[in-house]
Amino acid sequence: MATVISEGEAQADIGRWIDRALDGEDIVIARSDDVQLSLVPVRKRRRVPGRFQGQFSIPDSFFDPMTEEELKEWGY
């Protein structure tokens, strides 16, 4: 169940509401009893180049043309 707060409550203590949203709570902001928006944390994953290096390999045959049977399986 979401916590619904007024626009005034949000403005008065936005830091507290942001912290609660970051902790996983659903925070909904309403204006005149009309739901306007929801505070949702943005989860960004850091991309690490080469992260999977050496964990798997792709055989050279991967780049060979598909056989007629394989093409049919793919609908071509």
PDB file of N, CA and C in Angstrom:
ATOM      1  N   MET A   1       0.841  -1.187   0.000  1.00  0.00           N
ATOM      2  CA  MET A   1       0.000   0.000   0.000  1.00  0.00           C
ATOM      3  C   MET A   1       0.879   1.240   0.000  1.00  0.00           C
ATOM      4  N   ALA A   2       0.568   2.163  -0.831  1.00  0.00           N
ATOM      5  CA  ALA A   2       1.365   3.382  -0.963  1.00  0.00           C
ATOM      6  C   ALA A   2       0.999   4.387   0.125  1.00  0.00           C
ATOM      7  N   THR A   3       1.982   5.165   0.508  1.00  0.00           N
ATOM      8  CA  THR A   3       1.754   6.285   1.405  1.00  0.00           C
ATOM      9  C   THR A   3       1.409   7.484   0.539  1.00  0.00           C
ATOM     10  N   VAL A   4       0.222   8.044   0.739  1.00  0.00           N
ATOM     11  CA  VAL A   4      -0.219   9.190  -0.047  1.00  0.00           C
ATOM     12  C   VAL A   4      -0.044  10.440   0.805  1.00  0.00           C
ATOM     13  N   ILE A   5       0.681  11.409   0.260  1.00  0.00           N
ATOM     14  CA  ILE A   5       0.918  12.662   0.975  1.00  0.00           C
ATOM     15  C   ILE A   5       0.467  13.829   0.100  1.00  0.00           C
ATOM     16  N   SER A   6       0.200  14.945   0.766  1.00  0.00           N
ATOM     17  CA  SER A   6      -0.207  16.134   0.014  1.00  0.00           C
ATOM     18  C   SER A   6       1.022  16.826  -0.561  1.00  0.00           C
ATOM     19  N   GLU A   7       0.766  17.689  -1.513  1.00  0.00           N
ATOM     20  CA  GLU A   7       1.844  18.457  -2.117  1.00  0.00           C
ATOM     21  C   GLU A   7       2.555  19.295  -1.051  1.00  0.00           C
ATOM     22  N   GLY A   8       1.795  19.843  -0.131  1.00  0.00           N
ATOM     23  CA  GLY A   8       2.371  20.643   0.950  1.00  0.00           C
ATOM     24  C   GLY A   8       3.280  19.831   1.843  1.00  0.00           C
ATOM     25  N   GLU A   9       2.855  18.607   2.195  1.00  0.00           N
ATOM     26  CA  GLU A   9       3.705  17.728   3.004  1.00  0.00           C
ATOM     27  C   GLU A   9       5.005  17.419   2.272  1.00  0.00           C
ATOM     28  N   ALA A  10       4.901  17.175   0.978  1.00  0.00           N
ATOM     29  CA  ALA A  10       6.091  16.857   0.186  1.00  0.00           C
ATOM     30  C   ALA A  10       7.055  18.030   0.170  1.00  0.00           C
ATOM     31  N   GLN A  11       6.520  19.239  -0.028  1.00  0.00           N
ATOM     32  CA  GLN A  11       7.376  20.427  -0.079  1.00  0.00           C
ATOM     33  C   GLN A  11       8.024  20.710   1.268  1.00  0.00           C
ATOM     34  N   ALA A  12       7.286  20.475   2.336  1.00  0.00           N
ATOM     35  CA  ALA A  12       7.786  20.798   3.665  1.00  0.00           C
ATOM     36  C   ALA A  12       8.958  19.915   4.078  1.00  0.00           C
ATOM     37  N   ASP A  13       8.980  18.671   3.619  1.00  0.00           N
ATOM     38  CA  ASP A  13      10.022  17.750   4.076  1.00  0.00           C
ATOM     39  C   ASP A  13      10.394  16.757   2.977  1.00  0.00           C
ATOM     40  N   ILE A  14      10.760  17.272   1.802  1.00  0.00           N
ATOM     41  CA  ILE A  14      11.018  16.415   0.645  1.00  0.00           C
ATOM     42  C   ILE A  14      12.151  15.425   0.898  1.00  0.00           C
ATOM     43  N   GLY A  15      13.152  15.828   1.658  1.00  0.00           N
ATOM     44  CA  GLY A  15      14.271  14.928   1.947  1.00  0.00           C
ATOM     45  C   GLY A  15      13.829  13.658   2.643  1.00  0.00           C
ATOM     46  N   ARG A  16      12.919  13.803   3.586  1.00  0.00           N
ATOM     47  CA  ARG A  16      12.405  12.634   4.317  1.00  0.00           C
ATOM     48  C   ARG A  16      11.668  11.697   3.375  1.00  0.00           C
ATOM     49  N   TRP A  17      10.861  12.263   2.480  1.00  0.00           N
ATOM     50  CA  TRP A  17      10.089  11.429   1.555  1.00  0.00           C
ATOM     51  C   TRP A  17      10.992  10.744   0.539  1.00  0.00           C
ATOM     52  N   ILE A  18      12.021  11.443   0.112  1.00  0.00           N
ATOM     53  CA  ILE A  18      12.993  10.827  -0.806  1.00  0.00           C
ATOM     54  C   ILE A  18      13.678   9.656  -0.128  1.00  0.00           C
ATOM     55  N   ASP A  19      14.112   9.844   1.117  1.00  0.00           N
ATOM     56  CA  ASP A  19      14.763   8.753   1.853  1.00  0.00           C
ATOM     57  C   ASP A  19      13.847   7.553   1.991  1.00  0.00           C
ATOM     58  N   ARG A  20      12.586   7.799   2.272  1.00  0.00           N
ATOM     59  CA  ARG A  20      11.641   6.685   2.431  1.00  0.00           C
ATOM     60  C   ARG A  20      11.429   5.958   1.101  1.00  0.00           C
ATOM     61  N   ALA A  21      11.381   6.725  -0.005  1.00  0.00           N
ATOM     62  CA  ALA A  21      11.243   6.097  -1.322  1.00  0.00           C
ATOM     63  C   ALA A  21      12.481   5.262  -1.648  1.00  0.00           C
ATOM     64  N   LEU A  22      13.656   5.783  -1.301  1.00  0.00           N
ATOM     65  CA  LEU A  22      14.889   5.033  -1.548  1.00  0.00           C
ATOM     66  C   LEU A  22      14.955   3.763  -0.720  1.00  0.00           C
ATOM     67  N   ASP A  23      14.269   3.763   0.420  1.00  0.00           N
ATOM     68  CA  ASP A  23      14.214   2.576   1.272  1.00  0.00           C
ATOM     69  C   ASP A  23      13.176   1.573   0.788  1.00  0.00           C
ATOM     70  N   GLY A  24      12.487   1.896  -0.321  1.00  0.00           N
ATOM     71  CA  GLY A  24      11.557   0.937  -0.914  1.00  0.00           C
ATOM     72  C   GLY A  24      10.090   1.238  -0.684  1.00  0.00           C
ATOM     73  N   GLU A  25       9.776   2.298   0.034  1.00  0.00           N
ATOM     74  CA  GLU A  25       8.373   2.621   0.295  1.00  0.00           C
ATOM     75  C   GLU A  25       7.770   3.324  -0.927  1.00  0.00           C
ATOM     76  N   ASP A  26       6.513   3.008  -1.219  1.00  0.00           N
ATOM     77  CA  ASP A  26       5.794   3.675  -2.306  1.00  0.00           C
ATOM     78  C   ASP A  26       5.260   5.001  -1.784  1.00  0.00           C
ATOM     79  N   ILE A  27       5.718   6.098  -2.351  1.00  0.00           N
ATOM     80  CA  ILE A  27       5.293   7.429  -1.943  1.00  0.00           C
ATOM     81  C   ILE A  27       4.558   8.073  -3.112  1.00  0.00           C
ATOM     82  N   VAL A  28       3.320   8.480  -2.871  1.00  0.00           N
ATOM     83  CA  VAL A  28       2.488   9.115  -3.890  1.00  0.00           C
ATOM     84  C   VAL A  28       2.153  10.516  -3.415  1.00  0.00           C
ATOM     85  N   ILE A  29       2.314  11.494  -4.288  1.00  0.00           N
ATOM     86  CA  ILE A  29       2.030  12.882  -3.951  1.00  0.00           C
ATOM     87  C   ILE A  29       0.732  13.295  -4.646  1.00  0.00           C
ATOM     88  N   ALA A  30      -0.181  13.874  -3.853  1.00  0.00           N
ATOM     89  CA  ALA A  30      -1.482  14.281  -4.362  1.00  0.00           C
ATOM     90  C   ALA A  30      -1.644  15.795  -4.243  1.00  0.00           C
ATOM     91  N   ARG A  31      -2.382  16.343  -5.173  1.00  0.00           N
ATOM     92  CA  ARG A  31      -2.736  17.769  -5.142  1.00  0.00           C
ATOM     93  C   ARG A  31      -4.259  17.827  -5.127  1.00  0.00           C
ATOM     94  N   SER A  32      -4.799  18.414  -4.079  1.00  0.00           N
ATOM     95  CA  SER A  32      -6.263  18.524  -3.929  1.00  0.00           C
ATOM     96  C   SER A  32      -6.934  17.158  -4.065  1.00  0.00           C
ATOM     97  N   ASP A  33      -6.397  16.163  -3.368  1.00  0.00           N
ATOM     98  CA  ASP A  33      -6.919  14.782  -3.372  1.00  0.00           C
ATOM     99  C   ASP A  33      -6.874  14.111  -4.738  1.00  0.00           C
ATOM    100  N   ASP A  34      -6.116  14.676  -5.664  1.00  0.00           N
ATOM    101  CA  ASP A  34      -5.951  14.086  -6.989  1.00  0.00           C
ATOM    102  C   ASP A  34      -4.494  13.642  -7.122  1.00  0.00           C
ATOM    103  N   VAL A  35      -4.281  12.340  -7.284  1.00  0.00           N
ATOM    104  CA  VAL A  35      -2.920  11.808  -7.369  1.00  0.00           C
ATOM    105  C   VAL A  35      -2.195  12.438  -8.548  1.00  0.00           C
ATOM    106  N   GLN A  36      -1.012  12.966  -8.286  1.00  0.00           N
ATOM    107  CA  GLN A  36      -0.238  13.662  -9.309  1.00  0.00           C
ATOM    108  C   GLN A  36       0.991  12.882  -9.744  1.00  0.00           C
ATOM    109  N   LEU A  37       1.725  12.336  -8.773  1.00  0.00           N
ATOM    110  CA  LEU A  37       2.954  11.634  -9.140  1.00  0.00           C
ATOM    111  C   LEU A  37       3.387  10.695  -8.046  1.00  0.00           C
ATOM    112  N   SER A  38       4.375   9.891  -8.376  1.00  0.00           N
ATOM    113  CA  SER A  38       4.918   8.909  -7.455  1.00  0.00           C
ATOM    114  C   SER A  38       6.426   9.067  -7.394  1.00  0.00           C
ATOM    115  N   LEU A  39       6.973   8.973  -6.194  1.00  0.00           N
ATOM    116  CA  LEU A  39       8.430   9.012  -6.050  1.00  0.00           C
ATOM    117  C   LEU A  39       8.969   7.608  -6.270  1.00  0.00           C
ATOM    118  N   VAL A  40       9.817   7.472  -7.260  1.00  0.00           N
ATOM    119  CA  VAL A  40      10.376   6.167  -7.612  1.00  0.00           C
ATOM    120  C   VAL A  40      11.889   6.305  -7.729  1.00  0.00           C
ATOM    121  N   PRO A  41      12.648   5.491  -6.995  1.00  0.00           N
ATOM    122  CA  PRO A  41      14.099   5.586  -7.107  1.00  0.00           C
ATOM    123  C   PRO A  41      14.580   5.135  -8.479  1.00  0.00           C
ATOM    124  N   VAL A  42      15.612   5.784  -8.954  1.00  0.00           N
ATOM    125  CA  VAL A  42      16.245   5.401 -10.211  1.00  0.00           C
ATOM    126  C   VAL A  42      17.424   4.509  -9.857  1.00  0.00           C
ATOM    127  N   ARG A  43      17.384   3.302 -10.328  1.00  0.00           N
ATOM    128  CA  ARG A  43      18.461   2.354 -10.046  1.00  0.00           C
ATOM    129  C   ARG A  43      19.347   2.279 -11.280  1.00  0.00           C
ATOM    130  N   LYS A  44      20.496   2.856 -11.192  1.00  0.00           N
ATOM    131  CA  LYS A  44      21.424   2.830 -12.320  1.00  0.00           C
ATOM    132  C   LYS A  44      22.484   1.772 -12.061  1.00  0.00           C
ATOM    133  N   ARG A  45      22.696   0.954 -13.043  1.00  0.00           N
ATOM    134  CA  ARG A  45      23.765  -0.045 -12.959  1.00  0.00           C
ATOM    135  C   ARG A  45      24.987   0.520 -13.647  1.00  0.00           C
ATOM    136  N   ARG A  46      26.093   0.427 -12.975  1.00  0.00           N
ATOM    137  CA  ARG A  46      27.334   0.866 -13.604  1.00  0.00           C
ATOM    138  C   ARG A  46      27.781  -0.166 -14.608  1.00  0.00           C
ATOM    139  N   ARG A  47      28.051   0.286 -15.801  1.00  0.00           N
ATOM    140  CA  ARG A  47      28.569  -0.609 -16.829  1.00  0.00           C
ATOM    141  C   ARG A  47      30.076  -0.685 -16.670  1.00  0.00           C
ATOM    142  N   VAL A  48      30.575  -1.893 -16.652  1.00  0.00           N
ATOM    143  CA  VAL A  48      32.003  -2.115 -16.490  1.00  0.00           C
ATOM    144  C   VAL A  48      32.525  -2.799 -17.745  1.00  0.00           C
ATOM    145  N   PRO A  49      33.288  -2.078 -18.575  1.00  0.00           N
ATOM    146  CA  PRO A  49      33.827  -2.695 -19.785  1.00  0.00           C
ATOM    147  C   PRO A  49      34.709  -3.896 -19.444  1.00  0.00           C
ATOM    148  N   GLY A  50      34.516  -4.975 -20.191  1.00  0.00           N
ATOM    149  CA  GLY A  50      35.329  -6.172 -19.982  1.00  0.00           C
ATOM    150  C   GLY A  50      34.924  -6.986 -18.776  1.00  0.00           C
ATOM    151  N   ARG A  51      33.776  -6.711 -18.227  1.00  0.00           N
ATOM    152  CA  ARG A  51      33.327  -7.384 -17.003  1.00  0.00           C
ATOM    153  C   ARG A  51      33.271  -8.907 -17.147  1.00  0.00           C
ATOM    154  N   PHE A  52      32.896  -9.389 -18.315  1.00  0.00           N
ATOM    155  CA  PHE A  52      32.761 -10.827 -18.524  1.00  0.00           C
ATOM    156  C   PHE A  52      33.921 -11.420 -19.316  1.00  0.00           C
ATOM    157  N   GLN A  53      34.974 -10.672 -19.463  1.00  0.00           N
ATOM    158  CA  GLN A  53      36.120 -11.135 -20.236  1.00  0.00           C
ATOM    159  C   GLN A  53      36.668 -12.445 -19.656  1.00  0.00           C
ATOM    160  N   GLY A  54      36.835 -13.425 -20.546  1.00  0.00           N
ATOM    161  CA  GLY A  54      37.393 -14.710 -20.131  1.00  0.00           C
ATOM    162  C   GLY A  54      36.381 -15.662 -19.521  1.00  0.00           C
ATOM    163  N   GLN A  55      35.130 -15.247 -19.354  1.00  0.00           N
ATOM    164  CA  GLN A  55      34.124 -16.106 -18.734  1.00  0.00           C
ATOM    165  C   GLN A  55      33.415 -16.999 -19.747  1.00  0.00           C
ATOM    166  N   PHE A  56      33.463 -16.628 -21.019  1.00  0.00           N
ATOM    167  CA  PHE A  56      32.879 -17.469 -22.059  1.00  0.00           C
ATOM    168  C   PHE A  56      33.585 -17.153 -23.372  1.00  0.00           C
ATOM    169  N   SER A  57      33.373 -18.021 -24.328  1.00  0.00           N
ATOM    170  CA  SER A  57      33.996 -17.784 -25.633  1.00  0.00           C
ATOM    171  C   SER A  57      32.986 -18.108 -26.733  1.00  0.00           C
ATOM    172  N   ILE A  58      33.145 -17.468 -27.861  1.00  0.00           N
ATOM    173  CA  ILE A  58      32.284 -17.690 -29.012  1.00  0.00           C
ATOM    174  C   ILE A  58      33.115 -18.388 -30.072  1.00  0.00           C
ATOM    175  N   PRO A  59      32.699 -19.596 -30.475  1.00  0.00           N
ATOM    176  CA  PRO A  59      33.483 -20.317 -31.484  1.00  0.00           C
ATOM    177  C   PRO A  59      33.406 -19.618 -32.836  1.00  0.00           C
ATOM    178  N   ASP A  60      34.423 -19.801 -33.649  1.00  0.00           N
ATOM    179  CA  ASP A  60      34.458 -19.190 -34.981  1.00  0.00           C
ATOM    180  C   ASP A  60      33.265 -19.628 -35.834  1.00  0.00           C
ATOM    181  N   SER A  61      32.759 -20.853 -35.594  1.00  0.00           N
ATOM    182  CA  SER A  61      31.632 -21.364 -36.378  1.00  0.00           C
ATOM    183  C   SER A  61      30.352 -20.550 -36.140  1.00  0.00           C
ATOM    184  N   PHE A  62      30.322 -19.771 -35.090  1.00  0.00           N
ATOM    185  CA  PHE A  62      29.165 -18.918 -34.794  1.00  0.00           C
ATOM    186  C   PHE A  62      28.885 -17.966 -35.958  1.00  0.00           C
ATOM    187  N   PHE A  63      29.932 -17.553 -36.636  1.00  0.00           N
ATOM    188  CA  PHE A  63      29.808 -16.580 -37.712  1.00  0.00           C
ATOM    189  C   PHE A  63      29.602 -17.223 -39.093  1.00  0.00           C
ATOM    190  N   ASP A  64      29.534 -18.551 -39.151  1.00  0.00           N
ATOM    191  CA  ASP A  64      29.275 -19.238 -40.416  1.00  0.00           C
ATOM    192  C   ASP A  64      27.835 -18.980 -40.860  1.00  0.00           C
ATOM    193  N   PRO A  65      27.601 -18.970 -42.170  1.00  0.00           N
ATOM    194  CA  PRO A  65      26.220 -18.799 -42.646  1.00  0.00           C
ATOM    195  C   PRO A  65      25.328 -19.927 -42.129  1.00  0.00           C
ATOM    196  N   MET A  66      24.058 -19.608 -41.942  1.00  0.00           N
ATOM    197  CA  MET A  66      23.111 -20.617 -41.461  1.00  0.00           C
ATOM    198  C   MET A  66      22.813 -21.627 -42.559  1.00  0.00           C
ATOM    199  N   THR A  67      22.534 -22.851 -42.155  1.00  0.00           N
ATOM    200  CA  THR A  67      22.145 -23.893 -43.115  1.00  0.00           C
ATOM    201  C   THR A  67      20.695 -23.643 -43.528  1.00  0.00           C
ATOM    202  N   GLU A  68      20.272 -24.315 -44.583  1.00  0.00           N
ATOM    203  CA  GLU A  68      18.879 -24.183 -45.033  1.00  0.00           C
ATOM    204  C   GLU A  68      17.912 -24.578 -43.925  1.00  0.00           C
ATOM    205  N   GLU A  69      18.236 -25.631 -43.200  1.00  0.00           N
ATOM    206  CA  GLU A  69      17.374 -26.109 -42.112  1.00  0.00           C
ATOM    207  C   GLU A  69      17.276 -25.049 -40.997  1.00  0.00           C
ATOM    208  N   GLU A  70      18.386 -24.444 -40.646  1.00  0.00           N
ATOM    209  CA  GLU A  70      18.392 -23.402 -39.614  1.00  0.00           C
ATOM    210  C   GLU A  70      17.562 -22.192 -40.073  1.00  0.00           C
ATOM    211  N   LEU A  71      17.693 -21.833 -41.350  1.00  0.00           N
ATOM    212  CA  LEU A  71      16.929 -20.712 -41.881  1.00  0.00           C
ATOM    213  C   LEU A  71      15.420 -20.997 -41.798  1.00  0.00           C
ATOM    214  N   LYS A  72      15.023 -22.222 -42.101  1.00  0.00           N
ATOM    215  CA  LYS A  72      13.607 -22.601 -42.007  1.00  0.00           C
ATOM    216  C   LYS A  72      13.120 -22.498 -40.558  1.00  0.00           C
ATOM    217  N   GLU A  73      13.956 -22.934 -39.609  1.00  0.00           N
ATOM    218  CA  GLU A  73      13.579 -22.851 -38.195  1.00  0.00           C
ATOM    219  C   GLU A  73      13.343 -21.410 -37.764  1.00  0.00           C
ATOM    220  N   TRP A  74      14.064 -20.486 -38.368  1.00  0.00           N
ATOM    221  CA  TRP A  74      13.917 -19.060 -38.048  1.00  0.00           C
ATOM    222  C   TRP A  74      12.850 -18.386 -38.907  1.00  0.00           C
ATOM    223  N   GLY A  75      12.204 -19.151 -39.780  1.00  0.00           N
ATOM    224  CA  GLY A  75      11.132 -18.614 -40.593  1.00  0.00           C
ATOM    225  C   GLY A  75      11.575 -17.885 -41.841  1.00  0.00           C
ATOM    226  N   TYR A  76      12.766 -18.225 -42.352  1.00  0.00           N
ATOM    227  CA  TYR A  76      13.250 -17.592 -43.593  1.00  0.00           C
ATOM    228  C   TYR A  76      13.232 -18.549 -44.739  1.00  0.00           C
TER     229      TYR A  76
END
